[in-house]
Amino acid sequence: KLIDDLIVVRETSAQLASDPELGDHLRVVAAVARAKEYVSQQRDVGHRVIEEGDFTIGLRRDFLTTQTGYDLAGEELQAIGTDAEIQAFQRINSDPAGRAATNLTVQLDSLQGQNTRNIPFNSQSWEEAMIGYNNLFRVVEQQMDADIVVQATDIRNDVNRRVFIETSVLLGMLLLAILFAWLVARSMARSLRELRQGALSVAQFGLPHAVNRLRDPSLSSSLTPAQVADQVAEPLPVRSRDEFGQVTEAFN
């Protein structure tokens, strides 16, 4: 049960992977792990056969169950695996240790009728062959796991890099927006400050001086009020055509 749950973790990880290629690699290595587990179960069945001294119907059923499970795991790998992964899986059975194990399993499967008690191997030879066979699956599994870690790390780095770039662009746009708002606010403040200074200058100096000059009989007859105003106050500069510029023109 524990081993089954651990293998399910692999299959669940494949479903949770957001990258389809990474998900396929996770399914492939889960299939290898499942095949390795069925080989381990075959090893157990062989020891039970040796202990019973007979390849009984119940043991044959258990053996065929493991063989069917192994075949299904191999078919799944063939369906979704890459050429390199398929070849790595196939090389297991062509390895000397793999051939030694499959030769024994074929001999075990061939025990029929009256020959079910003629077990062609002992416990030690069966154990050595099946352990070597299982180790081959483990080597392939570890290599695939290492490749998955590298691929997942690359995907993570790409995501982090993309997030960093997008965040940098967003921060850059935010800084530009702040700078633009500051420039606009600075321009508005400058226009308001000039209007305020101009109003205070006219109220405190220009207007009283203009009234005094208009009261002078000698000047009132020679200068118009507009000419007097031009002499006592400079018009404010109009820096834009927006509302502030219009207010400045109205003030002038």
C-alpha atoms as a PDB file:
ATOM      1  CA  LYS A   1       0.000   0.000   0.000  1.00  0.00           C
ATOM      2  CA  LEU A   2       2.780   2.420   0.900  1.00  0.00           C
ATOM      3  CA  ILE A   3       4.657   1.709  -2.343  1.00  0.00           C
ATOM      4  CA  ASP A   4       1.462   2.155  -4.357  1.00  0.00           C
ATOM      5  CA  ASP A   5       0.858   5.512  -2.686  1.00  0.00           C
ATOM      6  CA  LEU A   6       4.392   6.632  -3.465  1.00  0.00           C
ATOM      7  CA  ILE A   7       3.935   5.716  -7.122  1.00  0.00           C
ATOM      8  CA  VAL A   8       0.610   7.577  -7.157  1.00  0.00           C
ATOM      9  CA  VAL A   9       2.540  10.658  -5.997  1.00  0.00           C
ATOM     10  CA  ARG A  10       4.467  10.510  -9.266  1.00  0.00           C
ATOM     11  CA  GLU A  11       1.303  10.180 -11.319  1.00  0.00           C
ATOM     12  CA  THR A  12      -0.369  13.019  -9.417  1.00  0.00           C
ATOM     13  CA  SER A  13       2.677  15.212  -9.983  1.00  0.00           C
ATOM     14  CA  ALA A  14       2.321  14.587 -13.704  1.00  0.00           C
ATOM     15  CA  GLN A  15      -1.285  15.809 -13.570  1.00  0.00           C
ATOM     16  CA  LEU A  16      -0.295  18.928 -11.626  1.00  0.00           C
ATOM     17  CA  ALA A  17       2.564  19.876 -13.955  1.00  0.00           C
ATOM     18  CA  SER A  18       1.651  23.003 -15.922  1.00  0.00           C
ATOM     19  CA  ASP A  19       4.141  22.167 -18.676  1.00  0.00           C
ATOM     20  CA  PRO A  20       2.811  19.351 -20.955  1.00  0.00           C
ATOM     21  CA  GLU A  21       6.281  18.056 -21.829  1.00  0.00           C
ATOM     22  CA  LEU A  22       7.293  17.890 -18.180  1.00  0.00           C
ATOM     23  CA  GLY A  23       4.012  16.134 -17.401  1.00  0.00           C
ATOM     24  CA  ASP A  24       4.758  13.466 -20.031  1.00  0.00           C
ATOM     25  CA  HIS A  25       8.233  12.888 -18.583  1.00  0.00           C
ATOM     26  CA  LEU A  26       6.699  12.482 -15.125  1.00  0.00           C
ATOM     27  CA  ARG A  27       4.209   9.937 -16.498  1.00  0.00           C
ATOM     28  CA  VAL A  28       7.049   8.033 -18.156  1.00  0.00           C
ATOM     29  CA  VAL A  29       9.100   7.776 -14.989  1.00  0.00           C
ATOM     30  CA  ALA A  30       5.930   6.791 -13.106  1.00  0.00           C
ATOM     31  CA  ALA A  31       5.472   3.967 -15.635  1.00  0.00           C
ATOM     32  CA  VAL A  32       9.080   2.870 -15.046  1.00  0.00           C
ATOM     33  CA  ALA A  33       8.482   2.910 -11.294  1.00  0.00           C
ATOM     34  CA  ARG A  34       5.314   0.899 -11.765  1.00  0.00           C
ATOM     35  CA  ALA A  35       7.140  -1.663 -13.937  1.00  0.00           C
ATOM     36  CA  LYS A  36       9.892  -1.880 -11.324  1.00  0.00           C
ATOM     37  CA  GLU A  37       7.302  -2.584  -8.649  1.00  0.00           C
ATOM     38  CA  TYR A  38       5.767  -5.391 -10.712  1.00  0.00           C
ATOM     39  CA  VAL A  39       9.229  -6.905 -11.116  1.00  0.00           C
ATOM     40  CA  SER A  40       9.574  -6.796  -7.328  1.00  0.00           C
ATOM     41  CA  GLN A  41       6.235  -8.568  -7.010  1.00  0.00           C
ATOM     42  CA  GLN A  42       7.428 -11.214  -9.494  1.00  0.00           C
ATOM     43  CA  ARG A  43      10.460 -11.708  -7.296  1.00  0.00           C
ATOM     44  CA  ASP A  44       8.163 -12.326  -4.338  1.00  0.00           C
ATOM     45  CA  VAL A  45       6.002 -14.757  -6.334  1.00  0.00           C
ATOM     46  CA  GLY A  46       9.118 -16.718  -7.361  1.00  0.00           C
ATOM     47  CA  HIS A  47      10.187 -17.117  -3.739  1.00  0.00           C
ATOM     48  CA  ARG A  48       6.704 -18.306  -2.818  1.00  0.00           C
ATOM     49  CA  VAL A  49       6.851 -20.849  -5.668  1.00  0.00           C
ATOM     50  CA  ILE A  50      10.198 -22.121  -4.364  1.00  0.00           C
ATOM     51  CA  GLU A  51       8.802 -22.280  -0.839  1.00  0.00           C
ATOM     52  CA  GLU A  52       5.690 -24.175  -1.966  1.00  0.00           C
ATOM     53  CA  GLY A  53       7.693 -26.369  -4.317  1.00  0.00           C
ATOM     54  CA  ASP A  54       4.866 -26.052  -6.807  1.00  0.00           C
ATOM     55  CA  PHE A  55       3.650 -23.450  -9.272  1.00  0.00           C
ATOM     56  CA  THR A  56       0.067 -23.598  -8.077  1.00  0.00           C
ATOM     57  CA  ILE A  57      -2.935 -22.022  -9.768  1.00  0.00           C
ATOM     58  CA  GLY A  58      -3.041 -19.228  -7.207  1.00  0.00           C
ATOM     59  CA  LEU A  59       0.642 -18.443  -7.659  1.00  0.00           C
ATOM     60  CA  ARG A  60       0.247 -18.554 -11.428  1.00  0.00           C
ATOM     61  CA  ARG A  61      -2.609 -16.086 -11.151  1.00  0.00           C
ATOM     62  CA  ASP A  62      -0.438 -13.765  -9.040  1.00  0.00           C
ATOM     63  CA  PHE A  63       2.423 -14.119 -11.498  1.00  0.00           C
ATOM     64  CA  LEU A  64       0.183 -13.348 -14.502  1.00  0.00           C
ATOM     65  CA  THR A  65      -1.166 -10.303 -12.642  1.00  0.00           C
ATOM     66  CA  THR A  66       2.351  -8.931 -12.246  1.00  0.00           C
ATOM     67  CA  GLN A  67       3.165  -9.734 -15.870  1.00  0.00           C
ATOM     68  CA  THR A  68       0.012  -7.964 -17.089  1.00  0.00           C
ATOM     69  CA  GLY A  69       0.779  -4.936 -14.939  1.00  0.00           C
ATOM     70  CA  TYR A  70       4.313  -4.834 -16.293  1.00  0.00           C
ATOM     71  CA  ASP A  71       3.042  -5.008 -19.880  1.00  0.00           C
ATOM     72  CA  LEU A  72       0.554  -2.173 -19.245  1.00  0.00           C
ATOM     73  CA  ALA A  73       3.291  -0.003 -17.758  1.00  0.00           C
ATOM     74  CA  GLY A  74       5.448  -0.697 -20.807  1.00  0.00           C
ATOM     75  CA  GLU A  75       2.601   0.192 -23.169  1.00  0.00           C
ATOM     76  CA  GLU A  76       2.025   3.478 -21.361  1.00  0.00           C
ATOM     77  CA  LEU A  77       5.702   4.319 -21.656  1.00  0.00           C
ATOM     78  CA  GLN A  78       5.685   3.433 -25.354  1.00  0.00           C
ATOM     79  CA  ALA A  79       2.677   5.708 -25.908  1.00  0.00           C
ATOM     80  CA  ILE A  80       4.001   8.904 -24.290  1.00  0.00           C
ATOM     81  CA  GLY A  81       7.761   8.434 -23.964  1.00  0.00           C
ATOM     82  CA  THR A  82      10.409   9.964 -26.161  1.00  0.00           C
ATOM     83  CA  ASP A  83      12.645   7.806 -28.343  1.00  0.00           C
ATOM     84  CA  ALA A  84      15.463   8.086 -25.814  1.00  0.00           C
ATOM     85  CA  GLU A  85      13.197   7.061 -22.932  1.00  0.00           C
ATOM     86  CA  ILE A  86      11.757   4.128 -24.874  1.00  0.00           C
ATOM     87  CA  GLN A  87      15.222   2.939 -25.843  1.00  0.00           C
ATOM     88  CA  ALA A  88      16.444   3.234 -22.250  1.00  0.00           C
ATOM     89  CA  PHE A  89      13.522   1.092 -21.116  1.00  0.00           C
ATOM     90  CA  GLN A  90      14.075  -1.476 -23.849  1.00  0.00           C
ATOM     91  CA  ARG A  91      17.792  -1.731 -23.073  1.00  0.00           C
ATOM     92  CA  ILE A  92      16.905  -3.156 -19.661  1.00  0.00           C
ATOM     93  CA  ASN A  93      15.792  -6.463 -21.155  1.00  0.00           C
ATOM     94  CA  SER A  94      18.777  -6.601 -23.509  1.00  0.00           C
ATOM     95  CA  ASP A  95      21.230  -6.128 -20.640  1.00  0.00           C
ATOM     96  CA  PRO A  96      22.872  -9.368 -19.411  1.00  0.00           C
ATOM     97  CA  ALA A  97      21.263  -8.947 -15.998  1.00  0.00           C
ATOM     98  CA  GLY A  98      17.917  -8.367 -17.661  1.00  0.00           C
ATOM     99  CA  ARG A  99      18.252 -11.415 -19.884  1.00  0.00           C
ATOM    100  CA  ALA A 100      19.238 -13.546 -16.902  1.00  0.00           C
ATOM    101  CA  ALA A 101      16.045 -12.548 -15.073  1.00  0.00           C
ATOM    102  CA  THR A 102      13.695 -12.852 -18.041  1.00  0.00           C
ATOM    103  CA  ASN A 103      15.108 -16.290 -18.842  1.00  0.00           C
ATOM    104  CA  LEU A 104      14.062 -17.435 -15.374  1.00  0.00           C
ATOM    105  CA  THR A 105      10.621 -15.837 -15.578  1.00  0.00           C
ATOM    106  CA  VAL A 106      10.034 -17.461 -18.975  1.00  0.00           C
ATOM    107  CA  GLN A 107      11.017 -20.835 -17.513  1.00  0.00           C
ATOM    108  CA  LEU A 108       8.692 -20.243 -14.589  1.00  0.00           C
ATOM    109  CA  ASP A 109       5.820 -19.292 -16.869  1.00  0.00           C
ATOM    110  CA  SER A 110       6.379 -22.401 -18.993  1.00  0.00           C
ATOM    111  CA  LEU A 111       5.734 -24.784 -16.096  1.00  0.00           C
ATOM    112  CA  GLN A 112       2.507 -26.468 -17.148  1.00  0.00           C
ATOM    113  CA  GLY A 113       0.522 -29.576 -16.195  1.00  0.00           C
ATOM    114  CA  GLN A 114       2.695 -32.172 -14.511  1.00  0.00           C
ATOM    115  CA  ASN A 115       5.798 -29.983 -14.665  1.00  0.00           C
ATOM    116  CA  THR A 116       4.625 -27.376 -12.118  1.00  0.00           C
ATOM    117  CA  ARG A 117       6.914 -28.899  -9.510  1.00  0.00           C
ATOM    118  CA  ASN A 118       9.991 -28.971 -11.740  1.00  0.00           C
ATOM    119  CA  ILE A 119      11.258 -25.571 -10.689  1.00  0.00           C
ATOM    120  CA  PRO A 120      14.432 -24.909 -12.747  1.00  0.00           C
ATOM    121  CA  PHE A 121      16.126 -22.574 -10.252  1.00  0.00           C
ATOM    122  CA  ASN A 122      16.819 -22.240  -6.565  1.00  0.00           C
ATOM    123  CA  SER A 123      16.184 -19.372  -4.182  1.00  0.00           C
ATOM    124  CA  GLN A 124      19.679 -17.931  -4.464  1.00  0.00           C
ATOM    125  CA  SER A 125      19.816 -17.837  -8.259  1.00  0.00           C
ATOM    126  CA  TRP A 126      16.303 -16.395  -8.431  1.00  0.00           C
ATOM    127  CA  GLU A 127      17.139 -13.735  -5.851  1.00  0.00           C
ATOM    128  CA  GLU A 128      20.356 -12.676  -7.576  1.00  0.00           C
ATOM    129  CA  ALA A 129      18.696 -12.501 -11.006  1.00  0.00           C
ATOM    130  CA  MET A 130      15.672 -10.524  -9.846  1.00  0.00           C
ATOM    131  CA  ILE A 131      17.728  -8.097  -7.737  1.00  0.00           C
ATOM    132  CA  GLY A 132      19.983  -7.408 -10.722  1.00  0.00           C
ATOM    133  CA  TYR A 133      16.902  -6.966 -12.915  1.00  0.00           C
ATOM    134  CA  ASN A 134      15.314  -4.575 -10.437  1.00  0.00           C
ATOM    135  CA  ASN A 135      18.512  -2.559 -10.140  1.00  0.00           C
ATOM    136  CA  LEU A 136      18.464  -1.927 -13.885  1.00  0.00           C
ATOM    137  CA  PHE A 137      15.029  -0.346 -13.562  1.00  0.00           C
ATOM    138  CA  ARG A 138      16.277   1.698 -10.631  1.00  0.00           C
ATOM    139  CA  VAL A 139      19.193   3.063 -12.666  1.00  0.00           C
ATOM    140  CA  VAL A 140      16.854   4.111 -15.477  1.00  0.00           C
ATOM    141  CA  GLU A 141      14.430   5.598 -12.960  1.00  0.00           C
ATOM    142  CA  GLN A 142      17.158   7.634 -11.273  1.00  0.00           C
ATOM    143  CA  GLN A 143      18.451   8.954 -14.600  1.00  0.00           C
ATOM    144  CA  MET A 144      14.948  10.008 -15.646  1.00  0.00           C
ATOM    145  CA  ASP A 145      14.421  11.636 -12.266  1.00  0.00           C
ATOM    146  CA  ALA A 146      17.643  13.600 -12.701  1.00  0.00           C
ATOM    147  CA  ASP A 147      16.551  14.738 -16.167  1.00  0.00           C
ATOM    148  CA  ILE A 148      13.168  15.810 -14.780  1.00  0.00           C
ATOM    149  CA  VAL A 149      14.840  17.830 -12.035  1.00  0.00           C
ATOM    150  CA  VAL A 150      16.967  19.611 -14.645  1.00  0.00           C
ATOM    151  CA  GLN A 151      13.940  20.311 -16.842  1.00  0.00           C
ATOM    152  CA  ALA A 152      11.810  21.476 -13.913  1.00  0.00           C
ATOM    153  CA  THR A 153      14.646  23.720 -12.741  1.00  0.00           C
ATOM    154  CA  ASP A 154      14.919  25.255 -16.213  1.00  0.00           C
ATOM    155  CA  ILE A 155      11.159  25.861 -16.296  1.00  0.00           C
ATOM    156  CA  ARG A 156      11.293  27.431 -12.852  1.00  0.00           C
ATOM    157  CA  ASN A 157      14.187  29.670 -13.871  1.00  0.00           C
ATOM    158  CA  ASP A 158      12.337  30.706 -17.024  1.00  0.00           C
ATOM    159  CA  VAL A 159       9.255  31.568 -14.988  1.00  0.00           C
ATOM    160  CA  ASN A 160      11.332  33.514 -12.476  1.00  0.00           C
ATOM    161  CA  ARG A 161      13.089  35.328 -15.313  1.00  0.00           C
ATOM    162  CA  ARG A 162       9.785  36.167 -16.994  1.00  0.00           C
ATOM    163  CA  VAL A 163       8.303  37.364 -13.705  1.00  0.00           C
ATOM    164  CA  PHE A 164      11.392  39.484 -13.087  1.00  0.00           C
ATOM    165  CA  ILE A 165      11.196  41.036 -16.559  1.00  0.00           C
ATOM    166  CA  GLU A 166       7.465  41.688 -16.308  1.00  0.00           C
ATOM    167  CA  THR A 167       7.877  43.135 -12.827  1.00  0.00           C
ATOM    168  CA  SER A 168      10.735  45.338 -14.020  1.00  0.00           C
ATOM    169  CA  VAL A 169       8.650  46.575 -16.959  1.00  0.00           C
ATOM    170  CA  LEU A 170       5.726  47.253 -14.627  1.00  0.00           C
ATOM    171  CA  LEU A 171       7.948  49.126 -12.187  1.00  0.00           C
ATOM    172  CA  GLY A 172       9.474  51.070 -15.078  1.00  0.00           C
ATOM    173  CA  MET A 173       6.033  52.061 -16.330  1.00  0.00           C
ATOM    174  CA  LEU A 174       5.038  53.008 -12.790  1.00  0.00           C
ATOM    175  CA  LEU A 175       8.157  55.159 -12.402  1.00  0.00           C
ATOM    176  CA  LEU A 176       7.449  56.831 -15.750  1.00  0.00           C
ATOM    177  CA  ALA A 177       3.864  57.483 -14.656  1.00  0.00           C
ATOM    178  CA  ILE A 178       5.112  58.967 -11.384  1.00  0.00           C
ATOM    179  CA  LEU A 179       7.670  61.084 -13.240  1.00  0.00           C
ATOM    180  CA  PHE A 180       5.049  62.291 -15.717  1.00  0.00           C
ATOM    181  CA  ALA A 181       2.637  63.096 -12.881  1.00  0.00           C
ATOM    182  CA  TRP A 182       5.413  64.943 -11.045  1.00  0.00           C
ATOM    183  CA  LEU A 183       6.243  66.984 -14.144  1.00  0.00           C
ATOM    184  CA  VAL A 184       2.577  67.852 -14.677  1.00  0.00           C
ATOM    185  CA  ALA A 185       2.146  68.724 -11.005  1.00  0.00           C
ATOM    186  CA  ARG A 186       5.331  70.794 -11.114  1.00  0.00           C
ATOM    187  CA  SER A 187       4.062  72.659 -14.170  1.00  0.00           C
ATOM    188  CA  MET A 188       0.704  73.235 -12.492  1.00  0.00           C
ATOM    189  CA  ALA A 189       2.360  74.417  -9.299  1.00  0.00           C
ATOM    190  CA  ARG A 190       4.600  76.760 -11.286  1.00  0.00           C
ATOM    191  CA  SER A 191       1.634  78.274 -13.081  1.00  0.00           C
ATOM    192  CA  LEU A 192      -0.301  78.654  -9.837  1.00  0.00           C
ATOM    193  CA  ARG A 193       2.732  80.176  -8.127  1.00  0.00           C
ATOM    194  CA  GLU A 194       3.167  82.723 -10.936  1.00  0.00           C
ATOM    195  CA  LEU A 195      -0.526  83.582 -10.760  1.00  0.00           C
ATOM    196  CA  ARG A 196      -0.305  84.014  -6.997  1.00  0.00           C
ATOM    197  CA  GLN A 197       2.820  86.165  -7.192  1.00  0.00           C
ATOM    198  CA  GLY A 198       1.303  88.212  -9.980  1.00  0.00           C
ATOM    199  CA  ALA A 199      -1.918  88.739  -8.041  1.00  0.00           C
ATOM    200  CA  LEU A 200      -0.041  89.738  -4.894  1.00  0.00           C
ATOM    201  CA  SER A 201       2.220  92.076  -6.861  1.00  0.00           C
ATOM    202  CA  VAL A 202      -0.753  93.806  -8.467  1.00  0.00           C
ATOM    203  CA  ALA A 203      -2.708  93.968  -5.198  1.00  0.00           C
ATOM    204  CA  GLN A 204       0.163  95.242  -3.036  1.00  0.00           C
ATOM    205  CA  PHE A 205       2.129  97.418  -5.437  1.00  0.00           C
ATOM    206  CA  GLY A 206       0.803  97.717  -8.959  1.00  0.00           C
ATOM    207  CA  LEU A 207      -2.813  98.651  -8.257  1.00  0.00           C
ATOM    208  CA  PRO A 208      -2.098 101.280  -5.536  1.00  0.00           C
ATOM    209  CA  HIS A 209       0.619 102.815  -7.727  1.00  0.00           C
ATOM    210  CA  ALA A 210      -1.662 102.863 -10.749  1.00  0.00           C
ATOM    211  CA  VAL A 211      -4.462 104.527  -8.726  1.00  0.00           C
ATOM    212  CA  ASN A 212      -2.054 107.176  -7.461  1.00  0.00           C
ATOM    213  CA  ARG A 213      -0.877 107.937 -10.968  1.00  0.00           C
ATOM    214  CA  LEU A 214      -4.426 108.117 -12.257  1.00  0.00           C
ATOM    215  CA  ARG A 215      -5.225 110.633  -9.526  1.00  0.00           C
ATOM    216  CA  ASP A 216      -2.395 112.884 -10.707  1.00  0.00           C
ATOM    217  CA  PRO A 217      -4.080 115.466 -12.983  1.00  0.00           C
ATOM    218  CA  SER A 218      -0.955 115.931 -15.035  1.00  0.00           C
ATOM    219  CA  LEU A 219      -0.807 112.223 -15.911  1.00  0.00           C
ATOM    220  CA  SER A 220      -4.489 111.404 -16.163  1.00  0.00           C
ATOM    221  CA  SER A 221      -4.872 113.691 -19.122  1.00  0.00           C
ATOM    222  CA  SER A 222      -1.859 112.343 -21.022  1.00  0.00           C
ATOM    223  CA  LEU A 223      -2.087 108.568 -20.253  1.00  0.00           C
ATOM    224  CA  THR A 224      -4.955 106.174 -20.545  1.00  0.00           C
ATOM    225  CA  PRO A 225      -5.624 103.626 -17.774  1.00  0.00           C
ATOM    226  CA  ALA A 226      -4.301 100.838 -20.015  1.00  0.00           C
ATOM    227  CA  GLN A 227      -1.061 102.741 -20.574  1.00  0.00           C
ATOM    228  CA  VAL A 228      -0.713 103.339 -16.861  1.00  0.00           C
ATOM    229  CA  ALA A 229      -1.282  99.634 -16.210  1.00  0.00           C
ATOM    230  CA  ASP A 230       1.399  98.658 -18.725  1.00  0.00           C
ATOM    231  CA  GLN A 231       3.897 100.873 -16.907  1.00  0.00           C
ATOM    232  CA  VAL A 232       3.257  99.551 -13.415  1.00  0.00           C
ATOM    233  CA  ALA A 233       2.958  95.743 -14.051  1.00  0.00           C
ATOM    234  CA  GLU A 234       4.462  93.248 -16.480  1.00  0.00           C
ATOM    235  CA  PRO A 235       1.959  90.767 -17.976  1.00  0.00           C
ATOM    236  CA  LEU A 236       2.381  87.204 -16.746  1.00  0.00           C
ATOM    237  CA  PRO A 237       3.928  84.738 -19.214  1.00  0.00           C
ATOM    238  CA  VAL A 238       1.470  82.341 -20.857  1.00  0.00           C
ATOM    239  CA  ARG A 239       3.255  78.974 -20.865  1.00  0.00           C
ATOM    240  CA  SER A 240       0.481  76.719 -22.157  1.00  0.00           C
ATOM    241  CA  ARG A 241      -2.881  76.699 -23.876  1.00  0.00           C
ATOM    242  CA  ASP A 242      -4.632  74.681 -21.173  1.00  0.00           C
ATOM    243  CA  GLU A 243      -6.874  75.999 -18.408  1.00  0.00           C
ATOM    244  CA  PHE A 244      -3.924  77.536 -16.567  1.00  0.00           C
ATOM    245  CA  GLY A 245      -2.882  79.419 -19.685  1.00  0.00           C
ATOM    246  CA  GLN A 246      -6.439  80.649 -20.169  1.00  0.00           C
ATOM    247  CA  VAL A 247      -6.614  81.858 -16.553  1.00  0.00           C
ATOM    248  CA  THR A 248      -3.282  83.642 -17.044  1.00  0.00           C
ATOM    249  CA  GLU A 249      -4.564  85.388 -20.163  1.00  0.00           C
ATOM    250  CA  ALA A 250      -7.737  86.376 -18.329  1.00  0.00           C
ATOM    251  CA  PHE A 251      -5.676  87.728 -15.447  1.00  0.00           C
ATOM    252  CA  ASN A 252      -3.464  89.733 -17.831  1.00  0.00           C
END
